[in-house]
Full PDB file with SEQRES, HELIX, SHEET, SSBOND, CRYST1, ORIGX, SCALE, CONECT and MASTER records, all heavy atoms in Angstrom:
SEQRES   1 A   45  PHE SER GLU ILE LEU ARG ASP VAL GLU GLU LEU ASN ARG          
SEQRES   2 A   45  MET ALA ARG ASP SER GLY LEU ASP ILE THR LYS ALA SER          
SEQRES   3 A   45  PHE HIS ALA TYR GLY HIS LEU ARG ASP ARG TYR VAL LEU          
SEQRES   4 A   45  LEU ARG SER GLY GLY ALA                                      
HELIX    1 AA1 VAL A    8  ARG A   16  1                                   9    
HELIX    2 AA2 PHE A   27  TYR A   30  1                                   4    
CRYST1    1.000    1.000    1.000  90.00  90.00  90.00 P 1           1          
ORIGX1      1.000000  0.000000  0.000000        0.00000                         
ORIGX2      0.000000  1.000000  0.000000        0.00000                         
ORIGX3      0.000000  0.000000  1.000000        0.00000                         
SCALE1      1.000000  0.000000  0.000000        0.00000                         
SCALE2      0.000000  1.000000  0.000000        0.00000                         
SCALE3      0.000000  0.000000  1.000000        0.00000                         
ATOM      1  N   PHE A   1     136.073 107.607 108.814  1.00  0.00           N  
ATOM      2  CA  PHE A   1     136.495 108.778 108.070  1.00  0.00           C  
ATOM      3  C   PHE A   1     135.328 109.341 107.261  1.00  0.00           C  
ATOM      4  O   PHE A   1     134.721 108.630 106.468  1.00  0.00           O  
ATOM      5  CB  PHE A   1     137.660 108.434 107.135  1.00  0.00           C  
ATOM      6  CG  PHE A   1     138.906 108.042 107.869  1.00  0.00           C  
ATOM      7  CD1 PHE A   1     139.159 106.710 108.181  1.00  0.00           C  
ATOM      8  CD2 PHE A   1     139.826 108.999 108.271  1.00  0.00           C  
ATOM      9  CE1 PHE A   1     140.307 106.335 108.869  1.00  0.00           C  
ATOM     10  CE2 PHE A   1     140.973 108.641 108.956  1.00  0.00           C  
ATOM     11  CZ  PHE A   1     141.216 107.309 109.260  1.00  0.00           C  
ATOM     12  N   SER A   2     135.024 110.609 107.493  1.00  0.00           N  
ATOM     13  CA  SER A   2     133.978 111.297 106.722  1.00  0.00           C  
ATOM     14  C   SER A   2     134.654 112.100 105.628  1.00  0.00           C  
ATOM     15  O   SER A   2     135.282 113.132 105.892  1.00  0.00           O  
ATOM     16  CB  SER A   2     133.180 112.236 107.637  1.00  0.00           C  
ATOM     17  OG  SER A   2     132.532 111.510 108.655  1.00  0.00           O  
ATOM     18  N   GLU A   3     134.543 111.606 104.387  1.00  0.00           N  
ATOM     19  CA  GLU A   3     135.281 112.257 103.306  1.00  0.00           C  
ATOM     20  C   GLU A   3     134.565 113.505 102.816  1.00  0.00           C  
ATOM     21  O   GLU A   3     133.338 113.562 102.745  1.00  0.00           O  
ATOM     22  CB  GLU A   3     135.537 111.292 102.148  1.00  0.00           C  
ATOM     23  CG  GLU A   3     134.363 110.939 101.281  1.00  0.00           C  
ATOM     24  CD  GLU A   3     133.646 109.686 101.750  1.00  0.00           C  
ATOM     25  OE1 GLU A   3     133.609 109.445 102.970  1.00  0.00           O  
ATOM     26  OE2 GLU A   3     133.095 108.963 100.889  1.00  0.00           O  
ATOM     27  N   ILE A   4     135.357 114.517 102.495  1.00  0.00           N  
ATOM     28  CA  ILE A   4     134.887 115.786 101.958  1.00  0.00           C  
ATOM     29  C   ILE A   4     135.702 116.050 100.697  1.00  0.00           C  
ATOM     30  O   ILE A   4     136.901 116.305 100.776  1.00  0.00           O  
ATOM     31  CB  ILE A   4     135.069 116.925 102.976  1.00  0.00           C  
ATOM     32  CG1 ILE A   4     134.261 116.628 104.248  1.00  0.00           C  
ATOM     33  CG2 ILE A   4     134.667 118.265 102.375  1.00  0.00           C  
ATOM     34  CD1 ILE A   4     134.651 117.463 105.442  1.00  0.00           C  
ATOM     35  N   LEU A   5     135.067 115.944  99.539  1.00  0.00           N  
ATOM     36  CA  LEU A   5     135.778 116.107  98.268  1.00  0.00           C  
ATOM     37  C   LEU A   5     135.590 117.524  97.755  1.00  0.00           C  
ATOM     38  O   LEU A   5     134.454 117.964  97.540  1.00  0.00           O  
ATOM     39  CB  LEU A   5     135.284 115.092  97.237  1.00  0.00           C  
ATOM     40  CG  LEU A   5     135.924 113.697  97.319  1.00  0.00           C  
ATOM     41  CD1 LEU A   5     135.479 112.951  98.552  1.00  0.00           C  
ATOM     42  CD2 LEU A   5     135.622 112.894  96.073  1.00  0.00           C  
ATOM     43  N   ARG A   6     136.689 118.225  97.587  1.00  0.00           N  
ATOM     44  CA  ARG A   6     136.670 119.602  97.119  1.00  0.00           C  
ATOM     45  C   ARG A   6     137.869 119.856  96.203  1.00  0.00           C  
ATOM     46  O   ARG A   6     138.887 119.164  96.282  1.00  0.00           O  
ATOM     47  CB  ARG A   6     136.752 120.592  98.297  1.00  0.00           C  
ATOM     48  CG  ARG A   6     135.624 120.517  99.289  1.00  0.00           C  
ATOM     49  CD  ARG A   6     134.327 121.103  98.720  1.00  0.00           C  
ATOM     50  NE  ARG A   6     133.319 121.229  99.748  1.00  0.00           N  
ATOM     51  CZ  ARG A   6     132.494 120.262 100.142  1.00  0.00           C  
ATOM     52  NH1 ARG A   6     132.578 119.062  99.555  1.00  0.00           N  
ATOM     53  NH2 ARG A   6     131.593 120.473 101.088  1.00  0.00           N  
ATOM     54  N   ASP A   7     137.764 120.867  95.366  1.00  0.00           N  
ATOM     55  CA  ASP A   7     138.906 121.329  94.585  1.00  0.00           C  
ATOM     56  C   ASP A   7     140.043 121.674  95.540  1.00  0.00           C  
ATOM     57  O   ASP A   7     139.819 122.128  96.664  1.00  0.00           O  
ATOM     58  CB  ASP A   7     138.490 122.567  93.787  1.00  0.00           C  
ATOM     59  CG  ASP A   7     139.645 123.192  93.035  1.00  0.00           C  
ATOM     60  OD1 ASP A   7     140.019 122.667  91.973  1.00  0.00           O  
ATOM     61  OD2 ASP A   7     140.196 124.194  93.532  1.00  0.00           O  
ATOM     62  N   VAL A   8     141.289 121.457  95.075  1.00  0.00           N  
ATOM     63  CA  VAL A   8     142.436 121.617  95.958  1.00  0.00           C  
ATOM     64  C   VAL A   8     142.527 123.020  96.542  1.00  0.00           C  
ATOM     65  O   VAL A   8     142.888 123.199  97.710  1.00  0.00           O  
ATOM     66  CB  VAL A   8     143.749 121.227  95.237  1.00  0.00           C  
ATOM     67  CG1 VAL A   8     144.073 122.190  94.106  1.00  0.00           C  
ATOM     68  CG2 VAL A   8     144.906 121.162  96.225  1.00  0.00           C  
ATOM     69  N   GLU A   9     142.163 124.047  95.781  1.00  0.00           N  
ATOM     70  CA  GLU A   9     142.247 125.406  96.326  1.00  0.00           C  
ATOM     71  C   GLU A   9     141.208 125.618  97.419  1.00  0.00           C  
ATOM     72  O   GLU A   9     141.468 126.322  98.403  1.00  0.00           O  
ATOM     73  CB  GLU A   9     142.090 126.435  95.213  1.00  0.00           C  
ATOM     74  CG  GLU A   9     142.290 127.874  95.656  1.00  0.00           C  
ATOM     75  CD  GLU A   9     143.720 128.245  96.049  1.00  0.00           C  
ATOM     76  OE1 GLU A   9     144.573 127.341  96.185  1.00  0.00           O  
ATOM     77  OE2 GLU A   9     143.998 129.439  96.234  1.00  0.00           O  
ATOM     78  N   GLU A  10     140.042 124.983  97.293  1.00  0.00           N  
ATOM     79  CA  GLU A  10     139.047 125.074  98.357  1.00  0.00           C  
ATOM     80  C   GLU A  10     139.532 124.332  99.599  1.00  0.00           C  
ATOM     81  O   GLU A  10     139.338 124.797 100.726  1.00  0.00           O  
ATOM     82  CB  GLU A  10     137.707 124.510  97.887  1.00  0.00           C  
ATOM     83  CG  GLU A  10     136.580 124.775  98.878  1.00  0.00           C  
ATOM     84  CD  GLU A  10     135.217 124.397  98.351  1.00  0.00           C  
ATOM     85  OE1 GLU A  10     135.090 124.119  97.142  1.00  0.00           O  
ATOM     86  OE2 GLU A  10     134.269 124.391  99.159  1.00  0.00           O  
ATOM     87  N   LEU A  11     140.183 123.195  99.412  1.00  0.00           N  
ATOM     88  CA  LEU A  11     140.774 122.487 100.552  1.00  0.00           C  
ATOM     89  C   LEU A  11     141.845 123.345 101.226  1.00  0.00           C  
ATOM     90  O   LEU A  11     141.943 123.360 102.458  1.00  0.00           O  
ATOM     91  CB  LEU A  11     141.383 121.164 100.088  1.00  0.00           C  
ATOM     92  CG  LEU A  11     140.420 120.089  99.611  1.00  0.00           C  
ATOM     93  CD1 LEU A  11     141.198 118.897  99.055  1.00  0.00           C  
ATOM     94  CD2 LEU A  11     139.500 119.625 100.745  1.00  0.00           C  
ATOM     95  N   ASN A  12     142.637 124.046 100.427  1.00  0.00           N  
ATOM     96  CA  ASN A  12     143.642 124.947 100.997  1.00  0.00           C  
ATOM     97  C   ASN A  12     142.990 125.989 101.903  1.00  0.00           C  
ATOM     98  O   ASN A  12     143.475 126.260 103.008  1.00  0.00           O  
ATOM     99  CB  ASN A  12     144.410 125.655  99.881  1.00  0.00           C  
ATOM    100  CG  ASN A  12     145.326 124.728  99.101  1.00  0.00           C  
ATOM    101  OD1 ASN A  12     145.721 123.680  99.589  1.00  0.00           O  
ATOM    102  ND2 ASN A  12     145.649 125.117  97.876  1.00  0.00           N  
ATOM    103  N   ARG A  13     141.890 126.566 101.430  1.00  0.00           N  
ATOM    104  CA  ARG A  13     141.192 127.587 102.224  1.00  0.00           C  
ATOM    105  C   ARG A  13     140.575 126.976 103.481  1.00  0.00           C  
ATOM    106  O   ARG A  13     140.609 127.581 104.562  1.00  0.00           O  
ATOM    107  CB  ARG A  13     140.117 128.275 101.378  1.00  0.00           C  
ATOM    108  CG  ARG A  13     140.681 129.151 100.264  1.00  0.00           C  
ATOM    109  CD  ARG A  13     139.603 130.055  99.694  1.00  0.00           C  
ATOM    110  NE  ARG A  13     138.562 129.301  99.025  1.00  0.00           N  
ATOM    111  CZ  ARG A  13     138.547 129.023  97.725  1.00  0.00           C  
ATOM    112  NH1 ARG A  13     139.547 129.431  96.949  1.00  0.00           N  
ATOM    113  NH2 ARG A  13     137.554 128.348  97.185  1.00  0.00           N  
ATOM    114  N   MET A  14     139.989 125.787 103.346  1.00  0.00           N  
ATOM    115  CA  MET A  14     139.390 125.125 104.506  1.00  0.00           C  
ATOM    116  C   MET A  14     140.446 124.809 105.564  1.00  0.00           C  
ATOM    117  O   MET A  14     140.209 124.954 106.765  1.00  0.00           O  
ATOM    118  CB  MET A  14     138.668 123.848 104.072  1.00  0.00           C  
ATOM    119  CG  MET A  14     137.423 124.099 103.244  1.00  0.00           C  
ATOM    120  SD  MET A  14     136.680 122.573 102.587  1.00  0.00           S  
ATOM    121  CE  MET A  14     135.936 121.910 104.093  1.00  0.00           C  
ATOM    122  N   ALA A  15     141.635 124.396 105.104  1.00  0.00           N  
ATOM    123  CA  ALA A  15     142.716 124.107 106.041  1.00  0.00           C  
ATOM    124  C   ALA A  15     143.158 125.382 106.750  1.00  0.00           C  
ATOM    125  O   ALA A  15     143.463 125.359 107.958  1.00  0.00           O  
ATOM    126  CB  ALA A  15     143.892 123.459 105.316  1.00  0.00           C  
ATOM    127  N   ARG A  16     143.183 126.503 106.026  1.00  0.00           N  
ATOM    128  CA  ARG A  16     143.561 127.777 106.658  1.00  0.00           C  
ATOM    129  C   ARG A  16     142.570 128.166 107.740  1.00  0.00           C  
ATOM    130  O   ARG A  16     142.920 128.844 108.710  1.00  0.00           O  
ATOM    131  CB  ARG A  16     143.662 128.887 105.612  1.00  0.00           C  
ATOM    132  CG  ARG A  16     144.859 128.760 104.696  1.00  0.00           C  
ATOM    133  CD  ARG A  16     145.096 130.009 103.875  1.00  0.00           C  
ATOM    134  NE  ARG A  16     145.815 131.018 104.641  1.00  0.00           N  
ATOM    135  CZ  ARG A  16     146.405 132.085 104.106  1.00  0.00           C  
ATOM    136  NH1 ARG A  16     146.362 132.278 102.806  1.00  0.00           N  
ATOM    137  NH2 ARG A  16     147.032 132.952 104.852  1.00  0.00           N  
ATOM    138  N   ASP A  17     141.319 127.724 107.596  1.00  0.00           N  
ATOM    139  CA  ASP A  17     140.297 127.973 108.618  1.00  0.00           C  
ATOM    140  C   ASP A  17     140.270 126.864 109.660  1.00  0.00           C  
ATOM    141  O   ASP A  17     139.368 126.837 110.511  1.00  0.00           O  
ATOM    142  CB  ASP A  17     138.915 128.093 107.968  1.00  0.00           C  
ATOM    143  CG  ASP A  17     138.807 129.303 107.056  1.00  0.00           C  
ATOM    144  OD1 ASP A  17     139.551 130.279 107.283  1.00  0.00           O  
ATOM    145  OD2 ASP A  17     137.989 129.268 106.108  1.00  0.00           O  
ATOM    146  N   SER A  18     141.248 125.943 109.581  1.00  0.00           N  
ATOM    147  CA  SER A  18     141.327 124.790 110.504  1.00  0.00           C  
ATOM    148  C   SER A  18     140.035 123.993 110.499  1.00  0.00           C  
ATOM    149  O   SER A  18     139.570 123.534 111.547  1.00  0.00           O  
ATOM    150  CB  SER A  18     141.690 125.250 111.915  1.00  0.00           C  
ATOM    151  OG  SER A  18     142.920 125.928 111.926  1.00  0.00           O  
ATOM    152  N   GLY A  19     139.456 123.808 109.323  1.00  0.00           N  
ATOM    153  CA  GLY A  19     138.156 123.162 109.232  1.00  0.00           C  
ATOM    154  C   GLY A  19     138.166 121.660 109.078  1.00  0.00           C  
ATOM    155  O   GLY A  19     137.104 121.042 109.024  1.00  0.00           O  
ATOM    156  N   LEU A  20     139.339 121.041 108.969  1.00  0.00           N  
ATOM    157  CA  LEU A  20     139.407 119.612 108.722  1.00  0.00           C  
ATOM    158  C   LEU A  20     140.424 118.939 109.640  1.00  0.00           C  
ATOM    159  O   LEU A  20     141.472 119.519 109.942  1.00  0.00           O  
ATOM    160  CB  LEU A  20     139.797 119.356 107.257  1.00  0.00           C  
ATOM    161  CG  LEU A  20     138.801 119.835 106.187  1.00  0.00           C  
ATOM    162  CD1 LEU A  20     139.464 119.895 104.831  1.00  0.00           C  
ATOM    163  CD2 LEU A  20     137.584 118.921 106.155  1.00  0.00           C  
ATOM    164  N   ASP A  21     140.117 117.712 110.064  1.00  0.00           N  
ATOM    165  CA  ASP A  21     141.064 116.953 110.892  1.00  0.00           C  
ATOM    166  C   ASP A  21     142.271 116.512 110.074  1.00  0.00           C  
ATOM    167  O   ASP A  21     143.414 116.633 110.512  1.00  0.00           O  
ATOM    168  CB  ASP A  21     140.373 115.718 111.492  1.00  0.00           C  
ATOM    169  CG  ASP A  21     139.264 116.080 112.441  1.00  0.00           C  
ATOM    170  OD1 ASP A  21     139.442 117.010 113.248  1.00  0.00           O  
ATOM    171  OD2 ASP A  21     138.190 115.439 112.377  1.00  0.00           O  
ATOM    172  N   ILE A  22     141.992 115.959 108.886  1.00  0.00           N  
ATOM    173  CA  ILE A  22     143.038 115.497 107.975  1.00  0.00           C  
ATOM    174  C   ILE A  22     142.670 116.033 106.601  1.00  0.00           C  
ATOM    175  O   ILE A  22     141.491 116.004 106.216  1.00  0.00           O  
ATOM    176  CB  ILE A  22     143.101 113.951 107.912  1.00  0.00           C  
ATOM    177  CG1 ILE A  22     143.176 113.358 109.299  1.00  0.00           C  
ATOM    178  CG2 ILE A  22     144.255 113.470 107.052  1.00  0.00           C  
ATOM    179  CD1 ILE A  22     142.242 112.202 109.503  1.00  0.00           C  
ATOM    180  N   THR A  23     143.641 116.510 105.866  1.00  0.00           N  
ATOM    181  CA  THR A  23     143.308 117.052 104.553  1.00  0.00           C  
ATOM    182  C   THR A  23     144.479 117.022 103.591  1.00  0.00           C  
ATOM    183  O   THR A  23     145.632 117.137 103.996  1.00  0.00           O  
ATOM    184  CB  THR A  23     142.796 118.501 104.664  1.00  0.00           C  
ATOM    185  OG1 THR A  23     142.368 118.964 103.378  1.00  0.00           O  
ATOM    186  CG2 THR A  23     143.875 119.448 105.197  1.00  0.00           C  
ATOM    187  N   LYS A  24     144.161 116.852 102.326  1.00  0.00           N  
ATOM    188  CA  LYS A  24     145.118 117.108 101.261  1.00  0.00           C  
ATOM    189  C   LYS A  24     145.247 118.623 101.141  1.00  0.00           C  
ATOM    190  O   LYS A  24     144.263 119.361 101.237  1.00  0.00           O  
ATOM    191  CB  LYS A  24     144.593 116.512  99.950  1.00  0.00           C  
ATOM    192  CG  LYS A  24     145.429 116.816  98.704  1.00  0.00           C  
ATOM    193  CD  LYS A  24     146.704 115.997  98.691  1.00  0.00           C  
ATOM    194  CE  LYS A  24     147.463 116.142  97.374  1.00  0.00           C  
ATOM    195  NZ  LYS A  24     146.813 115.380  96.281  1.00  0.00           N  
ATOM    196  N   ALA A  25     146.452 119.097 100.920  1.00  0.00           N  
ATOM    197  CA  ALA A  25     146.678 120.523 100.695  1.00  0.00           C  
ATOM    198  C   ALA A  25     147.892 120.693  99.808  1.00  0.00           C  
ATOM    199  O   ALA A  25     148.784 119.840  99.772  1.00  0.00           O  
ATOM    200  CB  ALA A  25     146.878 121.262 102.019  1.00  0.00           C  
ATOM    201  N   SER A  26     147.926 121.789  99.089  1.00  0.00           N  
ATOM    202  CA  SER A  26     149.114 122.125  98.317  1.00  0.00           C  
ATOM    203  C   SER A  26     150.267 122.400  99.283  1.00  0.00           C  
ATOM    204  O   SER A  26     150.060 122.936 100.375  1.00  0.00           O  
ATOM    205  CB  SER A  26     148.862 123.382  97.486  1.00  0.00           C  
ATOM    206  OG  SER A  26     147.792 123.209  96.603  1.00  0.00           O  
ATOM    207  N   PHE A  27     151.484 122.074  98.865  1.00  0.00           N  
ATOM    208  CA  PHE A  27     152.622 122.405  99.715  1.00  0.00           C  
ATOM    209  C   PHE A  27     152.767 123.911  99.876  1.00  0.00           C  
ATOM    210  O   PHE A  27     153.251 124.379 100.910  1.00  0.00           O  
ATOM    211  CB  PHE A  27     153.907 121.778  99.168  1.00  0.00           C  
ATOM    212  CG  PHE A  27     154.071 120.343  99.574  1.00  0.00           C  
ATOM    213  CD1 PHE A  27     154.103 119.336  98.627  1.00  0.00           C  
ATOM    214  CD2 PHE A  27     154.177 119.991 100.913  1.00  0.00           C  
ATOM    215  CE1 PHE A  27     154.234 118.004  99.004  1.00  0.00           C  
ATOM    216  CE2 PHE A  27     154.302 118.664 101.299  1.00  0.00           C  
ATOM    217  CZ  PHE A  27     154.341 117.667 100.347  1.00  0.00           C  
ATOM    218  N   HIS A  28     152.345 124.676  98.873  1.00  0.00           N  
ATOM    219  CA  HIS A  28     152.342 126.125  99.032  1.00  0.00           C  
ATOM    220  C   HIS A  28     151.469 126.524 100.217  1.00  0.00           C  
ATOM    221  O   HIS A  28     151.884 127.301 101.079  1.00  0.00           O  
ATOM    222  CB  HIS A  28     151.837 126.781  97.739  1.00  0.00           C  
ATOM    223  CG  HIS A  28     151.879 128.277  97.769  1.00  0.00           C  
ATOM    224  ND1 HIS A  28     151.362 129.043  96.747  1.00  0.00           N  
ATOM    225  CD2 HIS A  28     152.350 129.169  98.690  1.00  0.00           C  
ATOM    226  CE1 HIS A  28     151.535 130.335  97.025  1.00  0.00           C  
ATOM    227  NE2 HIS A  28     152.126 130.423  98.201  1.00  0.00           N  
ATOM    228  N   ALA A  29     150.245 125.980 100.254  1.00  0.00           N  
ATOM    229  CA  ALA A  29     149.344 126.285 101.364  1.00  0.00           C  
ATOM    230  C   ALA A  29     149.937 125.826 102.686  1.00  0.00           C  
ATOM    231  O   ALA A  29     149.860 126.534 103.702  1.00  0.00           O  
ATOM    232  CB  ALA A  29     147.985 125.620 101.126  1.00  0.00           C  
ATOM    233  N   TYR A  30     150.551 124.635 102.674  1.00  0.00           N  
ATOM    234  CA  TYR A  30     151.126 124.125 103.923  1.00  0.00           C  
ATOM    235  C   TYR A  30     152.226 125.049 104.455  1.00  0.00           C  
ATOM    236  O   TYR A  30     152.436 125.131 105.663  1.00  0.00           O  
ATOM    237  CB  TYR A  30     151.667 122.703 103.738  1.00  0.00           C  
ATOM    238  CG  TYR A  30     152.213 122.121 105.024  1.00  0.00           C  
ATOM    239  CD1 TYR A  30     151.466 122.164 106.200  1.00  0.00           C  
ATOM    240  CD2 TYR A  30     153.481 121.540 105.075  1.00  0.00           C  
ATOM    241  CE1 TYR A  30     151.967 121.657 107.390  1.00  0.00           C  
ATOM    242  CE2 TYR A  30     153.975 121.025 106.259  1.00  0.00           C  
ATOM    243  CZ  TYR A  30     153.221 121.092 107.412  1.00  0.00           C  
ATOM    244  OH  TYR A  30     153.716 120.596 108.590  1.00  0.00           O  
ATOM    245  N   GLY A  31     152.896 125.759 103.562  1.00  0.00           N  
ATOM    246  CA  GLY A  31     153.880 126.725 104.010  1.00  0.00           C  
ATOM    247  C   GLY A  31     153.304 127.778 104.946  1.00  0.00           C  
ATOM    248  O   GLY A  31     154.025 128.360 105.768  1.00  0.00           O  
ATOM    249  N   HIS A  32     151.989 128.025 104.836  1.00  0.00           N  
ATOM    250  CA  HIS A  32     151.302 128.985 105.707  1.00  0.00           C  
ATOM    251  C   HIS A  32     150.594 128.303 106.878  1.00  0.00           C  
ATOM    252  O   HIS A  32     149.973 128.983 107.703  1.00  0.00           O  
ATOM    253  CB  HIS A  32     150.252 129.758 104.899  1.00  0.00           C  
ATOM    254  CG  HIS A  32     150.823 130.597 103.798  1.00  0.00           C  
ATOM    255  ND1 HIS A  32     151.293 131.871 103.989  1.00  0.00           N  
ATOM    256  CD2 HIS A  32     151.010 130.325 102.474  1.00  0.00           C  
ATOM    257  CE1 HIS A  32     151.735 132.366 102.839  1.00  0.00           C  
ATOM    258  NE2 HIS A  32     151.583 131.441 101.906  1.00  0.00           N  
ATOM    259  N   LEU A  33     150.659 126.974 106.944  1.00  0.00           N  
ATOM    260  CA  LEU A  33     149.855 126.218 107.915  1.00  0.00           C  
ATOM    261  C   LEU A  33     150.686 125.387 108.885  1.00  0.00           C  
ATOM    262  O   LEU A  33     150.138 124.585 109.633  1.00  0.00           O  
ATOM    263  CB  LEU A  33     148.903 125.265 107.158  1.00  0.00           C  
ATOM    264  CG  LEU A  33     147.869 125.907 106.237  1.00  0.00           C  
ATOM    265  CD1 LEU A  33     147.195 124.855 105.376  1.00  0.00           C  
ATOM    266  CD2 LEU A  33     146.830 126.659 107.061  1.00  0.00           C  
ATOM    267  N   ARG A  34     151.998 125.580 108.877  1.00  0.00           N  
ATOM    268  CA  ARG A  34     152.861 124.702 109.657  1.00  0.00           C  
ATOM    269  C   ARG A  34     152.673 124.850 111.158  1.00  0.00           C  
ATOM    270  O   ARG A  34     153.039 123.963 111.921  1.00  0.00           O  
ATOM    271  CB  ARG A  34     154.323 124.924 109.261  1.00  0.00           C  
ATOM    272  CG  ARG A  34     154.644 124.385 107.877  1.00  0.00           C  
ATOM    273  CD  ARG A  34     156.059 124.694 107.444  1.00  0.00           C  
ATOM    274  NE  ARG A  34     156.232 126.092 107.061  1.00  0.00           N  
ATOM    275  CZ  ARG A  34     157.396 126.624 106.716  1.00  0.00           C  
ATOM    276  NH1 ARG A  34     158.490 125.890 106.740  1.00  0.00           N  
ATOM    277  NH2 ARG A  34     157.464 127.896 106.361  1.00  0.00           N  
ATOM    278  N   ASP A  35     152.068 125.946 111.583  1.00  0.00           N  
ATOM    279  CA  ASP A  35     151.794 126.119 113.014  1.00  0.00           C  
ATOM    280  C   ASP A  35     150.563 125.336 113.455  1.00  0.00           C  
ATOM    281  O   ASP A  35     150.360 125.105 114.652  1.00  0.00           O  
ATOM    282  CB  ASP A  35     151.610 127.598 113.349  1.00  0.00           C  
ATOM    283  CG  ASP A  35     150.475 128.251 112.574  1.00  0.00           C  
ATOM    284  OD1 ASP A  35     150.159 127.781 111.458  1.00  0.00           O  
ATOM    285  OD2 ASP A  35     149.906 129.238 113.078  1.00  0.00           O  
ATOM    286  N   ARG A  36     149.736 124.907 112.489  1.00  0.00           N  
ATOM    287  CA  ARG A  36     148.471 124.234 112.831  1.00  0.00           C  
ATOM    288  C   ARG A  36     148.402 122.768 112.416  1.00  0.00           C  
ATOM    289  O   ARG A  36     147.609 122.006 112.959  1.00  0.00           O  
ATOM    290  CB  ARG A  36     147.309 124.979 112.164  1.00  0.00           C  
ATOM    291  CG  ARG A  36     146.904 126.235 112.902  1.00  0.00           C  
ATOM    292  CD  ARG A  36     145.933 127.059 112.101  1.00  0.00           C  
ATOM    293  NE  ARG A  36     146.628 127.968 111.202  1.00  0.00           N  
ATOM    294  CZ  ARG A  36     146.012 128.713 110.291  1.00  0.00           C  
ATOM    295  NH1 ARG A  36     144.719 128.625 110.144  1.00  0.00           N  
ATOM    296  NH2 ARG A  36     146.715 129.520 109.516  1.00  0.00           N  
ATOM    297  N   TYR A  37     149.219 122.392 111.437  1.00  0.00           N  
ATOM    298  CA  TYR A  37     149.159 121.025 110.917  1.00  0.00           C  
ATOM    299  C   TYR A  37     150.557 120.409 110.833  1.00  0.00           C  
ATOM    300  O   TYR A  37     151.540 121.109 110.592  1.00  0.00           O  
ATOM    301  CB  TYR A  37     148.552 121.012 109.508  1.00  0.00           C  
ATOM    302  CG  TYR A  37     147.056 121.228 109.447  1.00  0.00           C  
ATOM    303  CD1 TYR A  37     146.531 122.515 109.354  1.00  0.00           C  
ATOM    304  CD2 TYR A  37     146.168 120.151 109.470  1.00  0.00           C  
ATOM    305  CE1 TYR A  37     145.158 122.725 109.283  1.00  0.00           C  
ATOM    306  CE2 TYR A  37     144.802 120.350 109.397  1.00  0.00           C  
ATOM    307  CZ  TYR A  37     144.303 121.638 109.302  1.00  0.00           C  
ATOM    308  OH  TYR A  37     142.943 121.838 109.231  1.00  0.00           O  
ATOM    309  N   VAL A  38     150.597 119.089 111.008  1.00  0.00           N  
ATOM    310  CA  VAL A  38     151.813 118.324 110.715  1.00  0.00           C  
ATOM    311  C   VAL A  38     151.618 117.641 109.361  1.00  0.00           C  
ATOM    312  O   VAL A  38     150.495 117.447 108.895  1.00  0.00           O  
ATOM    313  CB  VAL A  38     152.125 117.271 111.798  1.00  0.00           C  
ATOM    314  CG1 VAL A  38     152.495 117.949 113.111  1.00  0.00           C  
ATOM    315  CG2 VAL A  38     150.961 116.296 111.994  1.00  0.00           C  
ATOM    316  N   LEU A  39     152.727 117.293 108.753  1.00  0.00           N  
ATOM    317  CA  LEU A  39     152.710 116.619 107.464  1.00  0.00           C  
ATOM    318  C   LEU A  39     152.808 115.111 107.658  1.00  0.00           C  
ATOM    319  O   LEU A  39     153.614 114.639 108.460  1.00  0.00           O  
ATOM    320  CB  LEU A  39     153.885 117.122 106.622  1.00  0.00           C  
ATOM    321  CG  LEU A  39     154.086 116.511 105.232  1.00  0.00           C  
ATOM    322  CD1 LEU A  39     152.901 116.825 104.325  1.00  0.00           C  
ATOM    323  CD2 LEU A  39     155.392 117.035 104.619  1.00  0.00           C  
ATOM    324  N   LEU A  40     151.981 114.366 106.936  1.00  0.00           N  
ATOM    325  CA  LEU A  40     152.061 112.907 106.971  1.00  0.00           C  
ATOM    326  C   LEU A  40     153.025 112.425 105.892  1.00  0.00           C  
ATOM    327  O   LEU A  40     153.179 113.061 104.847  1.00  0.00           O  
ATOM    328  CB  LEU A  40     150.685 112.283 106.760  1.00  0.00           C  
ATOM    329  CG  LEU A  40     149.580 112.678 107.738  1.00  0.00           C  
ATOM    330  CD1 LEU A  40     148.357 111.780 107.544  1.00  0.00           C  
ATOM    331  CD2 LEU A  40     150.043 112.616 109.185  1.00  0.00           C  
ATOM    332  N   ARG A  41     153.648 111.294 106.120  1.00  0.00           N  
ATOM    333  CA  ARG A  41     154.608 110.750 105.164  1.00  0.00           C  
ATOM    334  C   ARG A  41     153.930 110.000 104.030  1.00  0.00           C  
ATOM    335  O   ARG A  41     154.577 109.696 103.026  1.00  0.00           O  
ATOM    336  CB  ARG A  41     155.591 109.815 105.890  1.00  0.00           C  
ATOM    337  CG  ARG A  41     156.465 110.534 106.901  1.00  0.00           C  
ATOM    338  CD  ARG A  41     157.319 109.565 107.719  1.00  0.00           C  
ATOM    339  NE  ARG A  41     158.033 110.266 108.764  1.00  0.00           N  
ATOM    340  CZ  ARG A  41     159.260 110.763 108.646  1.00  0.00           C  
ATOM    341  NH1 ARG A  41     159.910 110.615 107.508  1.00  0.00           N  
ATOM    342  NH2 ARG A  41     159.833 111.397 109.648  1.00  0.00           N  
ATOM    343  N   SER A  42     152.646 109.700 104.180  1.00  0.00           N  
ATOM    344  CA  SER A  42     151.922 108.930 103.158  1.00  0.00           C  
ATOM    345  C   SER A  42     150.819 109.775 102.530  1.00  0.00           C  
ATOM    346  O   SER A  42     150.262 110.667 103.168  1.00  0.00           O  
ATOM    347  CB  SER A  42     151.302 107.671 103.769  1.00  0.00           C  
ATOM    348  OG  SER A  42     152.293 106.834 104.291  1.00  0.00           O  
ATOM    349  N   GLY A  43     150.499 109.459 101.256  1.00  0.00           N  
ATOM    350  CA  GLY A  43     149.342 110.052 100.598  1.00  0.00           C  
ATOM    351  C   GLY A  43     149.619 111.276  99.759  1.00  0.00           C  
ATOM    352  O   GLY A  43     148.711 111.787  99.101  1.00  0.00           O  
ATOM    353  N   GLY A  44     150.851 111.752  99.740  1.00  0.00           N  
ATOM    354  CA  GLY A  44     151.155 112.988  99.041  1.00  0.00           C  
ATOM    355  C   GLY A  44     151.369 112.818  97.552  1.00  0.00           C  
ATOM    356  O   GLY A  44     151.355 111.711  97.004  1.00  0.00           O  
ATOM    357  N   ALA A  45     151.558 113.953  96.878  1.00  0.00           N  
ATOM    358  CA  ALA A  45     151.815 113.979  95.435  1.00  0.00           C  
ATOM    359  C   ALA A  45     153.175 114.624  95.191  1.00  0.00           C  
ATOM    360  O   ALA A  45     153.320 115.837  95.301  1.00  0.00           O  
ATOM    361  CB  ALA A  45     150.716 114.750  94.711  1.00  0.00           C  
TER     362      ALA A  45                                                      
MASTER        0    0    0    2    0    0    0    6  361    1    0    4          
END                                                                             
């Protein structure tokens, strides 16, 4: 695993660009990303 540490809003933007294999994201952001990402059952807040 190659970790990339960023502020959550930057991670949200990176996820919108499909830039990460696995990522933390706000659930708000995930509402816009459900076509590209699945949600994991572990690791959330």
